[in-house]
PDB file of N, CA and C in Angstrom:
ATOM      1  N   MET A   1     -16.775 -16.542  -6.439  1.00  0.00           N
ATOM      2  CA  MET A   1     -15.720 -16.888  -5.514  1.00  0.00           C
ATOM      3  C   MET A   1     -14.593 -15.866  -5.656  1.00  0.00           C
ATOM      4  N   ARG A   2     -13.995 -15.506  -4.552  1.00  0.00           N
ATOM      5  CA  ARG A   2     -12.877 -14.561  -4.530  1.00  0.00           C
ATOM      6  C   ARG A   2     -11.594 -15.319  -4.235  1.00  0.00           C
ATOM      7  N   TYR A   3     -10.502 -14.772  -4.789  1.00  0.00           N
ATOM      8  CA  TYR A   3      -9.206 -15.406  -4.612  1.00  0.00           C
ATOM      9  C   TYR A   3      -8.249 -14.458  -3.899  1.00  0.00           C
ATOM     10  N   CYS A   4      -7.354 -15.018  -3.130  1.00  0.00           N
ATOM     11  CA  CYS A   4      -6.387 -14.261  -2.345  1.00  0.00           C
ATOM     12  C   CYS A   4      -5.385 -13.568  -3.258  1.00  0.00           C
ATOM     13  N   PRO A   5      -5.161 -12.266  -3.057  1.00  0.00           N
ATOM     14  CA  PRO A   5      -4.177 -11.557  -3.883  1.00  0.00           C
ATOM     15  C   PRO A   5      -2.736 -11.950  -3.545  1.00  0.00           C
ATOM     16  N   GLU A   6      -2.508 -12.580  -2.407  1.00  0.00           N
ATOM     17  CA  GLU A   6      -1.158 -12.976  -2.004  1.00  0.00           C
ATOM     18  C   GLU A   6      -0.771 -14.338  -2.561  1.00  0.00           C
ATOM     19  N   CYS A   7      -1.631 -15.349  -2.349  1.00  0.00           N
ATOM     20  CA  CYS A   7      -1.247 -16.720  -2.711  1.00  0.00           C
ATOM     21  C   CYS A   7      -2.157 -17.352  -3.750  1.00  0.00           C
ATOM     22  N   GLY A   8      -3.291 -16.724  -4.054  1.00  0.00           N
ATOM     23  CA  GLY A   8      -4.221 -17.287  -5.030  1.00  0.00           C
ATOM     24  C   GLY A   8      -5.201 -18.276  -4.427  1.00  0.00           C
ATOM     25  N   GLY A   9      -5.138 -18.469  -3.121  1.00  0.00           N
ATOM     26  CA  GLY A   9      -6.052 -19.389  -2.438  1.00  0.00           C
ATOM     27  C   GLY A   9      -7.466 -18.812  -2.381  1.00  0.00           C
ATOM     28  N   GLU A  10      -8.378 -19.642  -1.930  1.00  0.00           N
ATOM     29  CA  GLU A  10      -9.782 -19.243  -1.855  1.00  0.00           C
ATOM     30  C   GLU A  10     -10.030 -18.370  -0.627  1.00  0.00           C
ATOM     31  N   LEU A  11     -10.724 -17.250  -0.828  1.00  0.00           N
ATOM     32  CA  LEU A  11     -11.116 -16.381   0.282  1.00  0.00           C
ATOM     33  C   LEU A  11     -12.536 -16.722   0.694  1.00  0.00           C
ATOM     34  N   HIS A  12     -12.778 -16.751   1.976  1.00  0.00           N
ATOM     35  CA  HIS A  12     -14.168 -16.886   2.413  1.00  0.00           C
ATOM     36  C   HIS A  12     -14.483 -15.757   3.389  1.00  0.00           C
ATOM     37  N   TYR A  13     -15.746 -15.330   3.368  1.00  0.00           N
ATOM     38  CA  TYR A  13     -16.188 -14.182   4.154  1.00  0.00           C
ATOM     39  C   TYR A  13     -16.653 -14.645   5.526  1.00  0.00           C
ATOM     40  N   VAL A  14     -16.121 -14.019   6.570  1.00  0.00           N
ATOM     41  CA  VAL A  14     -16.537 -14.309   7.949  1.00  0.00           C
ATOM     42  C   VAL A  14     -17.441 -13.169   8.387  1.00  0.00           C
ATOM     43  N   SER A  15     -18.731 -13.474   8.513  1.00  0.00           N
ATOM     44  CA  SER A  15     -19.699 -12.411   8.801  1.00  0.00           C
ATOM     45  C   SER A  15     -19.544 -11.825  10.202  1.00  0.00           C
ATOM     46  N   LEU A  16     -19.047 -12.597  11.171  1.00  0.00           N
ATOM     47  CA  LEU A  16     -18.872 -12.073  12.525  1.00  0.00           C
ATOM     48  C   LEU A  16     -17.845 -10.945  12.570  1.00  0.00           C
ATOM     49  N   THR A  17     -16.754 -11.104  11.817  1.00  0.00           N
ATOM     50  CA  THR A  17     -15.692 -10.100  11.821  1.00  0.00           C
ATOM     51  C   THR A  17     -15.771  -9.174  10.615  1.00  0.00           C
ATOM     52  N   LYS A  18     -16.653  -9.519   9.666  1.00  0.00           N
ATOM     53  CA  LYS A  18     -16.825  -8.749   8.423  1.00  0.00           C
ATOM     54  C   LYS A  18     -15.506  -8.624   7.671  1.00  0.00           C
ATOM     55  N   ARG A  19     -14.809  -9.756   7.551  1.00  0.00           N
ATOM     56  CA  ARG A  19     -13.516  -9.798   6.873  1.00  0.00           C
ATOM     57  C   ARG A  19     -13.467 -11.017   5.956  1.00  0.00           C
ATOM     58  N   TYR A  20     -12.647 -10.901   4.916  1.00  0.00           N
ATOM     59  CA  TYR A  20     -12.345 -12.043   4.062  1.00  0.00           C
ATOM     60  C   TYR A  20     -11.089 -12.695   4.612  1.00  0.00           C
ATOM     61  N   VAL A  21     -11.081 -14.022   4.699  1.00  0.00           N
ATOM     62  CA  VAL A  21      -9.938 -14.757   5.210  1.00  0.00           C
ATOM     63  C   VAL A  21      -9.546 -15.814   4.179  1.00  0.00           C
ATOM     64  N   CYS A  22      -8.252 -15.880   3.889  1.00  0.00           N
ATOM     65  CA  CYS A  22      -7.735 -16.872   2.941  1.00  0.00           C
ATOM     66  C   CYS A  22      -7.613 -18.214   3.649  1.00  0.00           C
ATOM     67  N   LYS A  23      -8.114 -19.263   3.007  1.00  0.00           N
ATOM     68  CA  LYS A  23      -8.038 -20.600   3.586  1.00  0.00           C
ATOM     69  C   LYS A  23      -6.628 -21.166   3.509  1.00  0.00           C
ATOM     70  N   SER A  24      -5.798 -20.647   2.593  1.00  0.00           N
ATOM     71  CA  SER A  24      -4.445 -21.186   2.430  1.00  0.00           C
ATOM     72  C   SER A  24      -3.420 -20.488   3.312  1.00  0.00           C
ATOM     73  N   CYS A  25      -3.321 -19.155   3.185  1.00  0.00           N
ATOM     74  CA  CYS A  25      -2.256 -18.438   3.892  1.00  0.00           C
ATOM     75  C   CYS A  25      -2.729 -17.679   5.129  1.00  0.00           C
ATOM     76  N   GLY A  26      -4.042 -17.550   5.314  1.00  0.00           N
ATOM     77  CA  GLY A  26      -4.559 -16.886   6.505  1.00  0.00           C
ATOM     78  C   GLY A  26      -4.678 -15.378   6.404  1.00  0.00           C
ATOM     79  N   LEU A  27      -4.413 -14.809   5.234  1.00  0.00           N
ATOM     80  CA  LEU A  27      -4.538 -13.368   5.055  1.00  0.00           C
ATOM     81  C   LEU A  27      -5.963 -12.934   5.385  1.00  0.00           C
ATOM     82  N   SER A  28      -6.096 -11.859   6.133  1.00  0.00           N
ATOM     83  CA  SER A  28      -7.397 -11.365   6.559  1.00  0.00           C
ATOM     84  C   SER A  28      -7.542  -9.912   6.128  1.00  0.00           C
ATOM     85  N   LEU A  29      -8.610  -9.626   5.363  1.00  0.00           N
ATOM     86  CA  LEU A  29      -8.819  -8.285   4.824  1.00  0.00           C
ATOM     87  C   LEU A  29     -10.284  -7.877   4.939  1.00  0.00           C
ATOM     88  N   THR A  30     -10.494  -6.578   5.183  1.00  0.00           N
ATOM     89  CA  THR A  30     -11.852  -6.056   5.086  1.00  0.00           C
ATOM     90  C   THR A  30     -12.191  -5.934   3.604  1.00  0.00           C
ATOM     91  N   PRO A  31     -13.469  -5.835   3.260  1.00  0.00           N
ATOM     92  CA  PRO A  31     -13.819  -5.647   1.843  1.00  0.00           C
ATOM     93  C   PRO A  31     -13.132  -4.421   1.233  1.00  0.00           C
ATOM     94  N   GLN A  32     -13.010  -3.327   1.989  1.00  0.00           N
ATOM     95  CA  GLN A  32     -12.348  -2.119   1.487  1.00  0.00           C
ATOM     96  C   GLN A  32     -10.864  -2.367   1.247  1.00  0.00           C
ATOM     97  N   GLU A  33     -10.194  -3.043   2.178  1.00  0.00           N
ATOM     98  CA  GLU A  33      -8.772  -3.355   2.008  1.00  0.00           C
ATOM     99  C   GLU A  33      -8.548  -4.253   0.793  1.00  0.00           C
ATOM    100  N   LEU A  34      -9.444  -5.224   0.590  1.00  0.00           N
ATOM    101  CA  LEU A  34      -9.339  -6.111  -0.560  1.00  0.00           C
ATOM    102  C   LEU A  34      -9.467  -5.324  -1.858  1.00  0.00           C
ATOM    103  N   TYR A  35     -10.442  -4.425  -1.911  1.00  0.00           N
ATOM    104  CA  TYR A  35     -10.649  -3.592  -3.092  1.00  0.00           C
ATOM    105  C   TYR A  35      -9.413  -2.722  -3.367  1.00  0.00           C
ATOM    106  N   GLU A  36      -8.888  -2.070  -2.334  1.00  0.00           N
ATOM    107  CA  GLU A  36      -7.724  -1.193  -2.501  1.00  0.00           C
ATOM    108  C   GLU A  36      -6.486  -1.979  -2.922  1.00  0.00           C
ATOM    109  N   LEU A  37      -6.280  -3.153  -2.347  1.00  0.00           N
ATOM    110  CA  LEU A  37      -5.125  -3.979  -2.690  1.00  0.00           C
ATOM    111  C   LEU A  37      -5.207  -4.428  -4.147  1.00  0.00           C
ATOM    112  N   ARG A  38      -6.366  -4.890  -4.568  1.00  0.00           N
ATOM    113  CA  ARG A  38      -6.517  -5.319  -5.962  1.00  0.00           C
ATOM    114  C   ARG A  38      -6.361  -4.153  -6.919  1.00  0.00           C
ATOM    115  N   ASP A  39      -6.872  -2.990  -6.540  1.00  0.00           N
ATOM    116  CA  ASP A  39      -6.746  -1.812  -7.395  1.00  0.00           C
ATOM    117  C   ASP A  39      -5.282  -1.399  -7.531  1.00  0.00           C
ATOM    118  N   SER A  40      -4.513  -1.493  -6.437  1.00  0.00           N
ATOM    119  CA  SER A  40      -3.105  -1.102  -6.490  1.00  0.00           C
ATOM    120  C   SER A  40      -2.264  -2.103  -7.280  1.00  0.00           C
ATOM    121  N   MET A  41      -2.717  -3.346  -7.387  1.00  0.00           N
ATOM    122  CA  MET A  41      -1.966  -4.370  -8.101  1.00  0.00           C
ATOM    123  C   MET A  41      -2.253  -4.375  -9.606  1.00  0.00           C
ATOM    124  N   ARG A  42      -3.303  -3.678 -10.027  1.00  0.00           N
ATOM    125  CA  ARG A  42      -3.618  -3.626 -11.452  1.00  0.00           C
ATOM    126  C   ARG A  42      -2.543  -2.853 -12.195  1.00  0.00           C
ATOM    127  N   PRO A  43      -2.211  -3.309 -13.392  1.00  0.00           N
ATOM    128  CA  PRO A  43      -1.218  -2.559 -14.170  1.00  0.00           C
ATOM    129  C   PRO A  43      -1.766  -1.188 -14.551  1.00  0.00           C
ATOM    130  N   LYS A  44      -0.921  -0.209 -14.485  1.00  0.00           N
ATOM    131  CA  LYS A  44      -1.307   1.155 -14.853  1.00  0.00           C
ATOM    132  C   LYS A  44      -1.064   1.339 -16.350  1.00  0.00           C
ATOM    133  N   TYR A  45      -2.065   1.813 -17.047  1.00  0.00           N
ATOM    134  CA  TYR A  45      -1.942   2.027 -18.483  1.00  0.00           C
ATOM    135  C   TYR A  45      -1.849   3.519 -18.766  1.00  0.00           C
ATOM    136  N   GLU A  46      -0.801   3.900 -19.438  1.00  0.00           N
ATOM    137  CA  GLU A  46      -0.613   5.291 -19.837  1.00  0.00           C
ATOM    138  C   GLU A  46      -0.491   5.335 -21.346  1.00  0.00           C
ATOM    139  N   THR A  47      -0.975   6.421 -21.918  1.00  0.00           N
ATOM    140  CA  THR A  47      -0.803   6.592 -23.349  1.00  0.00           C
ATOM    141  C   THR A  47       0.653   6.925 -23.629  1.00  0.00           C
ATOM    142  N   GLU A  48       1.061   6.803 -24.877  1.00  0.00           N
ATOM    143  CA  GLU A  48       2.449   7.133 -25.224  1.00  0.00           C
ATOM    144  C   GLU A  48       2.757   8.591 -24.923  1.00  0.00           C
ATOM    145  N   GLU A  49       1.785   9.465 -25.157  1.00  0.00           N
ATOM    146  CA  GLU A  49       1.981  10.898 -24.895  1.00  0.00           C
ATOM    147  C   GLU A  49       2.186  11.136 -23.400  1.00  0.00           C
ATOM    148  N   GLU A  50       1.416  10.464 -22.546  1.00  0.00           N
ATOM    149  CA  GLU A  50       1.583  10.608 -21.109  1.00  0.00           C
ATOM    150  C   GLU A  50       2.957  10.097 -20.666  1.00  0.00           C
ATOM    151  N   GLN A  51       3.412   9.002 -21.273  1.00  0.00           N
ATOM    152  CA  GLN A  51       4.737   8.477 -20.952  1.00  0.00           C
ATOM    153  C   GLN A  51       5.821   9.463 -21.358  1.00  0.00           C
ATOM    154  N   ARG A  52       5.692  10.077 -22.543  1.00  0.00           N
ATOM    155  CA  ARG A  52       6.677  11.068 -23.000  1.00  0.00           C
ATOM    156  C   ARG A  52       6.714  12.272 -22.066  1.00  0.00           C
ATOM    157  N   GLN A  53       5.528  12.759 -21.683  1.00  0.00           N
ATOM    158  CA  GLN A  53       5.471  13.914 -20.798  1.00  0.00           C
ATOM    159  C   GLN A  53       6.116  13.594 -19.448  1.00  0.00           C
ATOM    160  N   GLN A  54       5.853  12.403 -18.922  1.00  0.00           N
ATOM    161  CA  GLN A  54       6.449  12.021 -17.640  1.00  0.00           C
ATOM    162  C   GLN A  54       7.962  11.898 -17.770  1.00  0.00           C
ATOM    163  N   HIS A  55       8.439  11.352 -18.879  1.00  0.00           N
ATOM    164  CA  HIS A  55       9.881  11.242 -19.113  1.00  0.00           C
ATOM    165  C   HIS A  55      10.522  12.630 -19.158  1.00  0.00           C
ATOM    166  N   ARG A  56       9.872  13.576 -19.836  1.00  0.00           N
ATOM    167  CA  ARG A  56      10.395  14.952 -19.910  1.00  0.00           C
ATOM    168  C   ARG A  56      10.455  15.583 -18.527  1.00  0.00           C
ATOM    169  N   LYS A  57       9.399  15.386 -17.731  1.00  0.00           N
ATOM    170  CA  LYS A  57       9.375  15.946 -16.380  1.00  0.00           C
ATOM    171  C   LYS A  57      10.491  15.353 -15.523  1.00  0.00           C
ATOM    172  N   ASP A  58      10.673  14.038 -15.627  1.00  0.00           N
ATOM    173  CA  ASP A  58      11.730  13.378 -14.862  1.00  0.00           C
ATOM    174  C   ASP A  58      13.109  13.888 -15.276  1.00  0.00           C
ATOM    175  N   TYR A  59      13.330  14.056 -16.570  1.00  0.00           N
ATOM    176  CA  TYR A  59      14.619  14.530 -17.072  1.00  0.00           C
ATOM    177  C   TYR A  59      14.876  15.960 -16.596  1.00  0.00           C
ATOM    178  N   LEU A  60      13.852  16.821 -16.688  1.00  0.00           N
ATOM    179  CA  LEU A  60      13.997  18.208 -16.259  1.00  0.00           C
ATOM    180  C   LEU A  60      14.297  18.272 -14.760  1.00  0.00           C
ATOM    181  N   LYS A  61      13.606  17.449 -13.983  1.00  0.00           N
ATOM    182  CA  LYS A  61      13.853  17.413 -12.543  1.00  0.00           C
ATOM    183  C   LYS A  61      15.297  16.991 -12.268  1.00  0.00           C
ATOM    184  N   TRP A  62      15.784  15.984 -12.985  1.00  0.00           N
ATOM    185  CA  TRP A  62      17.162  15.539 -12.842  1.00  0.00           C
ATOM    186  C   TRP A  62      18.131  16.647 -13.241  1.00  0.00           C
ATOM    187  N   TRP A  63      17.878  17.300 -14.376  1.00  0.00           N
ATOM    188  CA  TRP A  63      18.763  18.316 -14.918  1.00  0.00           C
ATOM    189  C   TRP A  63      18.872  19.522 -13.992  1.00  0.00           C
ATOM    190  N   LEU A  64      17.739  19.910 -13.399  1.00  0.00           N
ATOM    191  CA  LEU A  64      17.713  21.079 -12.528  1.00  0.00           C
ATOM    192  C   LEU A  64      18.140  20.758 -11.090  1.00  0.00           C
ATOM    193  N   GLY A  65      18.303  19.478 -10.801  1.00  0.00           N
ATOM    194  CA  GLY A  65      18.710  19.066  -9.450  1.00  0.00           C
ATOM    195  C   GLY A  65      20.130  19.465  -9.149  1.00  0.00           C
ATOM    196  N   LYS A  66      20.537  19.251  -7.905  1.00  0.00           N
ATOM    197  CA  LYS A  66      21.898  19.603  -7.483  1.00  0.00           C
ATOM    198  C   LYS A  66      22.941  18.851  -8.274  1.00  0.00           C
ATOM    199  N   LYS A  67      23.922  19.537  -8.691  1.00  0.00           N
ATOM    200  CA  LYS A  67      25.064  18.935  -9.392  1.00  0.00           C
ATOM    201  C   LYS A  67      26.203  18.809  -8.391  1.00  0.00           C
ATOM    202  N   LYS A  68      26.885  17.705  -8.421  1.00  0.00           N
ATOM    203  CA  LYS A  68      28.006  17.501  -7.485  1.00  0.00           C
ATOM    204  C   LYS A  68      29.300  17.742  -8.179  1.00  0.00           C
TER     205      LYS A  68
END
């Protein structure tokens, strides 16, 4: 069984339209849209080193940016 990413309600597949429809809120998604939405909602895991590198890049971008 699949659950709605918006409200947590039950999704059912409508074969005529080839879409998943939420029984609670009415959200309608293609299988591809459902996959992409769930993938975008997953927490992103970065290693500490990746976080440090991103922080350095952000700081350098800020430092080199326009000064008022």
